[in-house]
Amino acid sequence: MSIRFQTMEQLRDLHMRMHRLFNDRMRAQGASLAQLKVLHYIERFGSVRSTDICDALGQAPRTVTEAVDGLERDGLALRTPDPKDRRAKRISLTEAGRAVIREVEPHKNAFIEQFFEVLDDEEQAHLLRTLEVLNDRLVEMGAPRALGEPAGEGADKT
């Protein structure tokens, strides 16, 4: 097995383990990782349409609709009519939604600290440089440059 294949397997395993563990820890605080992704997106961009969330997070419309339904049911998000398109709704955070983001922040930071404490500053800097090179390579290969932005805002930026 080549070192490149082994590296890809390690990256996959790291991603899956980190995702599962982080999701478990965030659920213990009252919000799943999926909910937090949507909440953070709305917090970052303000009032958004579900299509913006679909495009930014790479989710199917039905998945986003169900997620927003849950956030609305839990009082974390609010749908309002879009003044520019009466067929569409805008989604914004409620104060409860902003509170959830604030409440999980210390737990997120603690996870990050615990995860990286096994690497010294030099190792972390090297890892960061390596990840930047690999991310740049993915963009060269056709991946979107900006992740998590509404459609049309991050594409083709250089």
N, C-alpha and C. Protein backbone atom coordinates (compact mmCIF):
# COMPACT_ATOMS: atom_id res chain seq x y z
N MET A 1 0.86 -1.17 0.00
CA MET A 1 0.00 0.00 0.00
C MET A 1 0.91 1.24 0.00
N SER A 2 0.62 2.19 -0.88
CA SER A 2 1.46 3.38 -1.00
C SER A 2 1.24 4.34 0.17
N ILE A 3 2.23 5.18 0.39
CA ILE A 3 2.12 6.16 1.47
C ILE A 3 0.98 7.15 1.19
N ARG A 4 0.75 7.44 -0.07
CA ARG A 4 -0.36 8.35 -0.42
C ARG A 4 -1.71 7.73 -0.05
N PHE A 5 -1.87 6.45 -0.35
CA PHE A 5 -3.11 5.77 0.00
C PHE A 5 -3.28 5.70 1.51
N GLN A 6 -2.19 5.38 2.22
CA GLN A 6 -2.24 5.33 3.68
C GLN A 6 -2.59 6.69 4.27
N THR A 7 -2.02 7.74 3.69
CA THR A 7 -2.31 9.10 4.16
C THR A 7 -3.78 9.44 3.95
N MET A 8 -4.31 9.09 2.79
CA MET A 8 -5.73 9.35 2.53
C MET A 8 -6.61 8.58 3.51
N GLU A 9 -6.25 7.34 3.81
CA GLU A 9 -7.02 6.57 4.78
C GLU A 9 -6.96 7.22 6.16
N GLN A 10 -5.79 7.68 6.55
CA GLN A 10 -5.64 8.34 7.85
C GLN A 10 -6.46 9.63 7.90
N LEU A 11 -6.45 10.40 6.81
CA LEU A 11 -7.25 11.63 6.77
C LEU A 11 -8.74 11.32 6.87
N ARG A 12 -9.17 10.28 6.17
CA ARG A 12 -10.58 9.86 6.25
C ARG A 12 -10.94 9.44 7.66
N ASP A 13 -10.09 8.60 8.26
CA ASP A 13 -10.36 8.12 9.62
C ASP A 13 -10.37 9.28 10.61
N LEU A 14 -9.42 10.21 10.47
CA LEU A 14 -9.36 11.38 11.34
C LEU A 14 -10.65 12.19 11.23
N HIS A 15 -11.07 12.45 10.00
CA HIS A 15 -12.29 13.22 9.77
C HIS A 15 -13.49 12.54 10.41
N MET A 16 -13.63 11.24 10.19
CA MET A 16 -14.80 10.53 10.71
C MET A 16 -14.80 10.48 12.24
N ARG A 17 -13.65 10.18 12.83
CA ARG A 17 -13.58 10.12 14.29
C ARG A 17 -13.83 11.49 14.91
N MET A 18 -13.20 12.52 14.33
CA MET A 18 -13.36 13.86 14.86
C MET A 18 -14.82 14.30 14.76
N HIS A 19 -15.43 14.04 13.62
CA HIS A 19 -16.82 14.42 13.40
C HIS A 19 -17.73 13.74 14.42
N ARG A 20 -17.54 12.44 14.60
CA ARG A 20 -18.40 11.69 15.53
C ARG A 20 -18.22 12.14 16.98
N LEU A 21 -16.95 12.29 17.39
CA LEU A 21 -16.68 12.69 18.77
C LEU A 21 -17.17 14.11 19.04
N PHE A 22 -16.90 15.02 18.11
CA PHE A 22 -17.34 16.40 18.28
C PHE A 22 -18.86 16.47 18.31
N ASN A 23 -19.52 15.72 17.43
CA ASN A 23 -20.98 15.68 17.40
C ASN A 23 -21.53 15.17 18.73
N ASP A 24 -20.94 14.10 19.26
CA ASP A 24 -21.38 13.56 20.55
C ASP A 24 -21.23 14.61 21.65
N ARG A 25 -20.13 15.32 21.65
CA ARG A 25 -19.90 16.33 22.70
C ARG A 25 -20.85 17.52 22.55
N MET A 26 -21.13 17.91 21.33
CA MET A 26 -22.04 19.03 21.13
C MET A 26 -23.47 18.61 21.47
N ARG A 27 -23.85 17.38 21.15
CA ARG A 27 -25.19 16.88 21.52
C ARG A 27 -25.38 16.90 23.02
N ALA A 28 -24.30 16.60 23.74
CA ALA A 28 -24.37 16.62 25.21
C ALA A 28 -24.65 18.04 25.71
N GLN A 29 -24.37 19.03 24.87
CA GLN A 29 -24.63 20.43 25.23
C GLN A 29 -25.97 20.92 24.67
N GLY A 30 -26.69 20.04 23.96
CA GLY A 30 -28.03 20.38 23.52
C GLY A 30 -28.19 20.71 22.06
N ALA A 31 -27.13 20.59 21.26
CA ALA A 31 -27.25 20.88 19.82
C ALA A 31 -26.34 19.93 19.05
N SER A 32 -26.88 19.33 17.99
CA SER A 32 -26.06 18.44 17.17
C SER A 32 -25.14 19.27 16.28
N LEU A 33 -24.13 18.61 15.75
CA LEU A 33 -23.22 19.28 14.82
C LEU A 33 -23.97 19.78 13.60
N ALA A 34 -24.92 19.00 13.11
CA ALA A 34 -25.72 19.42 11.95
C ALA A 34 -26.48 20.71 12.26
N GLN A 35 -27.10 20.78 13.44
CA GLN A 35 -27.81 22.00 13.84
C GLN A 35 -26.84 23.17 13.96
N LEU A 36 -25.69 22.92 14.56
CA LEU A 36 -24.72 24.00 14.75
C LEU A 36 -24.19 24.54 13.43
N LYS A 37 -24.01 23.67 12.45
CA LYS A 37 -23.55 24.14 11.14
C LYS A 37 -24.55 25.14 10.56
N VAL A 38 -25.83 24.80 10.64
CA VAL A 38 -26.86 25.69 10.11
C VAL A 38 -26.94 26.96 10.95
N LEU A 39 -26.92 26.84 12.26
CA LEU A 39 -26.97 28.02 13.12
C LEU A 39 -25.79 28.96 12.86
N HIS A 40 -24.59 28.39 12.75
CA HIS A 40 -23.40 29.23 12.49
C HIS A 40 -23.49 29.90 11.12
N TYR A 41 -24.01 29.17 10.14
CA TYR A 41 -24.16 29.76 8.81
C TYR A 41 -25.11 30.96 8.85
N ILE A 42 -26.24 30.78 9.51
CA ILE A 42 -27.20 31.88 9.61
C ILE A 42 -26.60 33.03 10.41
N GLU A 43 -25.88 32.71 11.46
CA GLU A 43 -25.24 33.77 12.26
C GLU A 43 -24.26 34.56 11.41
N ARG A 44 -23.50 33.87 10.59
CA ARG A 44 -22.47 34.53 9.77
C ARG A 44 -23.08 35.41 8.67
N PHE A 45 -24.15 34.93 8.05
CA PHE A 45 -24.68 35.64 6.88
C PHE A 45 -26.01 36.33 7.12
N GLY A 46 -26.55 36.23 8.31
CA GLY A 46 -27.81 36.92 8.61
C GLY A 46 -28.99 36.17 8.03
N SER A 47 -29.98 36.90 7.62
CA SER A 47 -31.19 36.32 7.05
C SER A 47 -30.87 35.67 5.71
N VAL A 48 -31.10 34.36 5.61
CA VAL A 48 -30.73 33.61 4.40
C VAL A 48 -31.92 32.78 3.92
N ARG A 49 -31.82 32.33 2.69
CA ARG A 49 -32.81 31.42 2.14
C ARG A 49 -32.32 29.99 2.29
N SER A 50 -33.22 29.05 2.27
CA SER A 50 -32.81 27.65 2.43
C SER A 50 -31.89 27.21 1.28
N THR A 51 -32.08 27.79 0.09
CA THR A 51 -31.20 27.44 -1.03
C THR A 51 -29.76 27.89 -0.75
N ASP A 52 -29.59 28.99 -0.03
CA ASP A 52 -28.25 29.42 0.34
C ASP A 52 -27.59 28.37 1.24
N ILE A 53 -28.36 27.86 2.19
CA ILE A 53 -27.85 26.84 3.11
C ILE A 53 -27.50 25.57 2.34
N CYS A 54 -28.39 25.16 1.43
CA CYS A 54 -28.14 23.96 0.62
C CYS A 54 -26.82 24.09 -0.14
N ASP A 55 -26.64 25.22 -0.82
CA ASP A 55 -25.44 25.44 -1.61
C ASP A 55 -24.19 25.48 -0.74
N ALA A 56 -24.26 26.19 0.36
CA ALA A 56 -23.09 26.38 1.21
C ALA A 56 -22.67 25.10 1.92
N LEU A 57 -23.63 24.33 2.39
CA LEU A 57 -23.31 23.14 3.17
C LEU A 57 -23.34 21.85 2.35
N GLY A 58 -23.69 21.98 1.06
CA GLY A 58 -23.72 20.80 0.20
C GLY A 58 -24.79 19.80 0.61
N GLN A 59 -25.93 20.31 1.04
CA GLN A 59 -27.03 19.46 1.50
C GLN A 59 -28.19 19.50 0.51
N ALA A 60 -28.94 18.42 0.51
CA ALA A 60 -30.14 18.36 -0.33
C ALA A 60 -31.22 19.27 0.26
N PRO A 61 -32.08 19.83 -0.60
CA PRO A 61 -33.15 20.72 -0.10
C PRO A 61 -33.99 20.09 0.99
N ARG A 62 -34.35 18.82 0.84
CA ARG A 62 -35.18 18.16 1.86
C ARG A 62 -34.46 18.11 3.21
N THR A 63 -33.16 17.84 3.18
CA THR A 63 -32.36 17.77 4.40
C THR A 63 -32.36 19.12 5.12
N VAL A 64 -32.17 20.19 4.34
CA VAL A 64 -32.14 21.53 4.92
C VAL A 64 -33.53 21.91 5.44
N THR A 65 -34.56 21.59 4.69
CA THR A 65 -35.93 21.89 5.14
C THR A 65 -36.21 21.21 6.48
N GLU A 66 -35.84 19.94 6.59
CA GLU A 66 -36.06 19.23 7.85
C GLU A 66 -35.24 19.84 8.98
N ALA A 67 -34.00 20.24 8.68
CA ALA A 67 -33.15 20.85 9.71
C ALA A 67 -33.74 22.17 10.18
N VAL A 68 -34.17 23.00 9.23
CA VAL A 68 -34.75 24.29 9.59
C VAL A 68 -36.09 24.10 10.31
N ASP A 69 -36.87 23.10 9.89
CA ASP A 69 -38.11 22.79 10.61
C ASP A 69 -37.81 22.52 12.09
N GLY A 70 -36.78 21.71 12.33
CA GLY A 70 -36.39 21.39 13.71
C GLY A 70 -35.92 22.61 14.47
N LEU A 71 -35.10 23.44 13.82
CA LEU A 71 -34.62 24.66 14.49
C LEU A 71 -35.78 25.59 14.81
N GLU A 72 -36.72 25.68 13.89
CA GLU A 72 -37.89 26.54 14.11
C GLU A 72 -38.77 25.96 15.24
N ARG A 73 -38.97 24.66 15.21
CA ARG A 73 -39.76 24.00 16.24
C ARG A 73 -39.14 24.20 17.63
N ASP A 74 -37.79 24.20 17.69
CA ASP A 74 -37.07 24.39 18.95
C ASP A 74 -36.91 25.86 19.33
N GLY A 75 -37.43 26.75 18.48
CA GLY A 75 -37.35 28.17 18.78
C GLY A 75 -35.99 28.79 18.53
N LEU A 76 -35.16 28.13 17.72
CA LEU A 76 -33.80 28.62 17.47
C LEU A 76 -33.69 29.44 16.19
N ALA A 77 -34.65 29.27 15.28
CA ALA A 77 -34.66 30.00 14.01
C ALA A 77 -36.09 30.39 13.69
N LEU A 78 -36.20 31.36 12.80
CA LEU A 78 -37.50 31.89 12.43
C LEU A 78 -37.55 32.08 10.92
N ARG A 79 -38.65 31.62 10.30
CA ARG A 79 -38.86 31.85 8.87
C ARG A 79 -39.77 33.07 8.71
N THR A 80 -39.39 33.94 7.78
CA THR A 80 -40.22 35.11 7.46
C THR A 80 -40.30 35.22 5.94
N PRO A 81 -41.33 35.84 5.42
CA PRO A 81 -41.45 36.00 3.96
C PRO A 81 -40.26 36.80 3.41
N ASP A 82 -39.81 36.40 2.23
CA ASP A 82 -38.74 37.11 1.53
C ASP A 82 -39.38 38.29 0.80
N PRO A 83 -38.98 39.52 1.12
CA PRO A 83 -39.60 40.68 0.48
C PRO A 83 -39.34 40.76 -1.02
N LYS A 84 -38.31 40.05 -1.51
CA LYS A 84 -37.98 40.10 -2.94
C LYS A 84 -38.61 38.96 -3.73
N ASP A 85 -39.09 37.93 -3.02
CA ASP A 85 -39.65 36.76 -3.69
C ASP A 85 -40.71 36.16 -2.78
N ARG A 86 -41.97 36.41 -3.08
CA ARG A 86 -43.04 35.99 -2.18
C ARG A 86 -43.18 34.48 -2.08
N ARG A 87 -42.54 33.73 -2.99
CA ARG A 87 -42.57 32.26 -2.91
C ARG A 87 -41.57 31.74 -1.89
N ALA A 88 -40.58 32.56 -1.55
CA ALA A 88 -39.47 32.11 -0.69
C ALA A 88 -39.61 32.64 0.73
N LYS A 89 -38.89 32.00 1.62
CA LYS A 89 -38.82 32.44 3.03
C LYS A 89 -37.37 32.76 3.36
N ARG A 90 -37.18 33.71 4.26
CA ARG A 90 -35.86 34.02 4.82
C ARG A 90 -35.78 33.36 6.18
N ILE A 91 -34.62 32.89 6.53
CA ILE A 91 -34.41 32.21 7.80
C ILE A 91 -33.42 33.03 8.62
N SER A 92 -33.79 33.33 9.84
CA SER A 92 -32.90 34.09 10.72
C SER A 92 -32.87 33.44 12.09
N LEU A 93 -31.88 33.83 12.89
CA LEU A 93 -31.76 33.29 14.24
C LEU A 93 -32.69 34.02 15.19
N THR A 94 -33.15 33.29 16.16
CA THR A 94 -33.84 33.91 17.28
C THR A 94 -32.80 34.16 18.37
N GLU A 95 -33.19 34.84 19.42
CA GLU A 95 -32.26 35.05 20.54
C GLU A 95 -31.87 33.70 21.13
N ALA A 96 -32.80 32.76 21.17
CA ALA A 96 -32.48 31.41 21.68
C ALA A 96 -31.43 30.73 20.81
N GLY A 97 -31.51 30.93 19.50
CA GLY A 97 -30.51 30.37 18.59
C GLY A 97 -29.14 30.96 18.83
N ARG A 98 -29.09 32.27 19.03
CA ARG A 98 -27.81 32.94 19.34
C ARG A 98 -27.27 32.44 20.68
N ALA A 99 -28.17 32.19 21.62
CA ALA A 99 -27.75 31.71 22.94
C ALA A 99 -27.12 30.32 22.83
N VAL A 100 -27.70 29.45 22.01
CA VAL A 100 -27.13 28.11 21.83
C VAL A 100 -25.70 28.22 21.30
N ILE A 101 -25.49 29.09 20.33
CA ILE A 101 -24.14 29.28 19.77
C ILE A 101 -23.18 29.74 20.87
N ARG A 102 -23.60 30.70 21.67
CA ARG A 102 -22.75 31.19 22.76
C ARG A 102 -22.47 30.09 23.78
N GLU A 103 -23.47 29.30 24.09
CA GLU A 103 -23.33 28.25 25.12
C GLU A 103 -22.39 27.13 24.69
N VAL A 104 -22.36 26.79 23.41
CA VAL A 104 -21.49 25.69 22.99
C VAL A 104 -20.06 26.15 22.73
N GLU A 105 -19.86 27.44 22.57
CA GLU A 105 -18.53 27.96 22.23
C GLU A 105 -17.43 27.50 23.19
N PRO A 106 -17.61 27.59 24.51
CA PRO A 106 -16.54 27.12 25.41
C PRO A 106 -16.26 25.62 25.26
N HIS A 107 -17.29 24.84 24.97
CA HIS A 107 -17.12 23.40 24.79
C HIS A 107 -16.38 23.11 23.49
N LYS A 108 -16.68 23.88 22.46
CA LYS A 108 -15.97 23.75 21.19
C LYS A 108 -14.49 24.09 21.39
N ASN A 109 -14.23 25.19 22.09
CA ASN A 109 -12.85 25.60 22.33
C ASN A 109 -12.10 24.57 23.16
N ALA A 110 -12.77 23.99 24.15
CA ALA A 110 -12.13 22.95 24.97
C ALA A 110 -11.80 21.72 24.12
N PHE A 111 -12.67 21.36 23.21
CA PHE A 111 -12.41 20.23 22.32
C PHE A 111 -11.17 20.52 21.48
N ILE A 112 -11.09 21.72 20.92
CA ILE A 112 -9.95 22.09 20.09
C ILE A 112 -8.65 22.03 20.89
N GLU A 113 -8.68 22.58 22.08
CA GLU A 113 -7.48 22.57 22.94
C GLU A 113 -7.07 21.14 23.26
N GLN A 114 -8.02 20.31 23.65
CA GLN A 114 -7.72 18.93 24.00
C GLN A 114 -7.18 18.17 22.79
N PHE A 115 -7.74 18.39 21.63
CA PHE A 115 -7.32 17.70 20.41
C PHE A 115 -5.88 18.04 20.05
N PHE A 116 -5.54 19.33 20.06
CA PHE A 116 -4.23 19.75 19.59
C PHE A 116 -3.14 19.73 20.66
N GLU A 117 -3.47 19.43 21.91
CA GLU A 117 -2.45 19.47 22.96
C GLU A 117 -1.36 18.42 22.76
N VAL A 118 -1.58 17.42 21.93
CA VAL A 118 -0.55 16.41 21.68
C VAL A 118 0.52 16.90 20.70
N LEU A 119 0.28 18.04 20.07
CA LEU A 119 1.26 18.63 19.14
C LEU A 119 1.84 19.90 19.75
N ASP A 120 3.17 20.07 19.60
CA ASP A 120 3.75 21.33 20.07
C ASP A 120 3.49 22.41 19.01
N ASP A 121 3.87 23.64 19.33
CA ASP A 121 3.58 24.77 18.43
C ASP A 121 4.20 24.57 17.04
N GLU A 122 5.40 24.05 16.99
CA GLU A 122 6.07 23.82 15.70
C GLU A 122 5.33 22.78 14.87
N GLU A 123 4.89 21.70 15.52
CA GLU A 123 4.13 20.67 14.81
C GLU A 123 2.79 21.21 14.32
N GLN A 124 2.14 22.02 15.12
CA GLN A 124 0.87 22.62 14.70
C GLN A 124 1.08 23.55 13.51
N ALA A 125 2.14 24.35 13.54
CA ALA A 125 2.43 25.26 12.42
C ALA A 125 2.72 24.47 11.15
N HIS A 126 3.46 23.38 11.28
CA HIS A 126 3.76 22.53 10.12
C HIS A 126 2.48 21.90 9.56
N LEU A 127 1.65 21.40 10.45
CA LEU A 127 0.38 20.82 10.02
C LEU A 127 -0.47 21.86 9.30
N LEU A 128 -0.54 23.06 9.85
CA LEU A 128 -1.32 24.12 9.22
C LEU A 128 -0.80 24.42 7.81
N ARG A 129 0.51 24.55 7.66
CA ARG A 129 1.09 24.82 6.32
C ARG A 129 0.76 23.68 5.36
N THR A 130 0.86 22.45 5.83
CA THR A 130 0.57 21.29 4.97
C THR A 130 -0.89 21.30 4.54
N LEU A 131 -1.79 21.56 5.47
CA LEU A 131 -3.22 21.61 5.13
C LEU A 131 -3.52 22.74 4.15
N GLU A 132 -2.86 23.89 4.31
CA GLU A 132 -3.06 24.99 3.37
C GLU A 132 -2.63 24.59 1.96
N VAL A 133 -1.49 23.91 1.85
CA VAL A 133 -1.00 23.45 0.55
C VAL A 133 -2.01 22.47 -0.07
N LEU A 134 -2.49 21.54 0.73
CA LEU A 134 -3.44 20.55 0.22
C LEU A 134 -4.78 21.18 -0.16
N ASN A 135 -5.25 22.14 0.64
CA ASN A 135 -6.48 22.85 0.28
C ASN A 135 -6.31 23.63 -1.01
N ASP A 136 -5.18 24.29 -1.17
CA ASP A 136 -4.90 25.02 -2.42
C ASP A 136 -4.90 24.05 -3.60
N ARG A 137 -4.33 22.87 -3.40
CA ARG A 137 -4.30 21.88 -4.48
C ARG A 137 -5.71 21.45 -4.86
N LEU A 138 -6.57 21.26 -3.88
CA LEU A 138 -7.95 20.89 -4.19
C LEU A 138 -8.65 21.97 -5.01
N VAL A 139 -8.39 23.23 -4.70
CA VAL A 139 -8.96 24.33 -5.48
C VAL A 139 -8.43 24.27 -6.91
N GLU A 140 -7.13 24.02 -7.07
CA GLU A 140 -6.56 23.89 -8.42
C GLU A 140 -7.22 22.75 -9.19
N MET A 141 -7.63 21.71 -8.47
CA MET A 141 -8.25 20.55 -9.10
C MET A 141 -9.74 20.76 -9.36
N GLY A 142 -10.31 21.88 -8.92
CA GLY A 142 -11.71 22.17 -9.24
C GLY A 142 -12.63 22.34 -8.05
N ALA A 143 -12.13 22.18 -6.83
CA ALA A 143 -12.98 22.38 -5.65
C ALA A 143 -13.27 23.87 -5.49
N PRO A 144 -14.41 24.21 -4.88
CA PRO A 144 -14.70 25.64 -4.66
C PRO A 144 -13.67 26.26 -3.72
N ARG A 145 -13.28 27.49 -4.02
CA ARG A 145 -12.31 28.19 -3.18
C ARG A 145 -12.90 28.51 -1.81
N ALA A 146 -14.09 29.05 -1.80
CA ALA A 146 -14.71 29.47 -0.54
C ALA A 146 -15.82 28.50 -0.18
N LEU A 147 -15.72 27.94 1.00
CA LEU A 147 -16.77 27.04 1.48
C LEU A 147 -17.65 27.80 2.45
N GLY A 148 -18.93 27.50 2.43
CA GLY A 148 -19.83 28.09 3.40
C GLY A 148 -20.32 29.48 3.07
N GLU A 149 -20.12 29.95 1.86
CA GLU A 149 -20.66 31.26 1.48
C GLU A 149 -21.89 31.07 0.61
N PRO A 150 -22.78 32.06 0.62
CA PRO A 150 -23.94 31.96 -0.26
C PRO A 150 -23.48 31.83 -1.73
N ALA A 151 -24.28 31.19 -2.53
CA ALA A 151 -23.94 30.97 -3.93
C ALA A 151 -23.53 32.27 -4.60
N GLY A 152 -22.43 32.21 -5.34
CA GLY A 152 -21.97 33.38 -6.09
C GLY A 152 -21.06 34.31 -5.32
N GLU A 153 -20.95 34.19 -4.00
CA GLU A 153 -20.13 35.13 -3.25
C GLU A 153 -18.68 34.68 -3.13
N GLY A 154 -18.41 33.37 -3.14
CA GLY A 154 -17.06 32.91 -2.93
C GLY A 154 -16.42 32.32 -4.16
N ALA A 155 -17.22 31.98 -5.14
CA ALA A 155 -16.69 31.33 -6.32
C ALA A 155 -15.80 32.28 -7.12
N ASP A 156 -14.78 31.73 -7.68
CA ASP A 156 -13.86 32.45 -8.57
C ASP A 156 -13.11 33.57 -7.91
N LYS A 157 -13.02 33.60 -6.59
CA LYS A 157 -12.18 34.60 -5.93
C LYS A 157 -10.73 34.13 -6.03
N THR A 158 -9.86 35.07 -6.30
CA THR A 158 -8.44 34.71 -6.34
C THR A 158 -7.65 35.57 -5.41
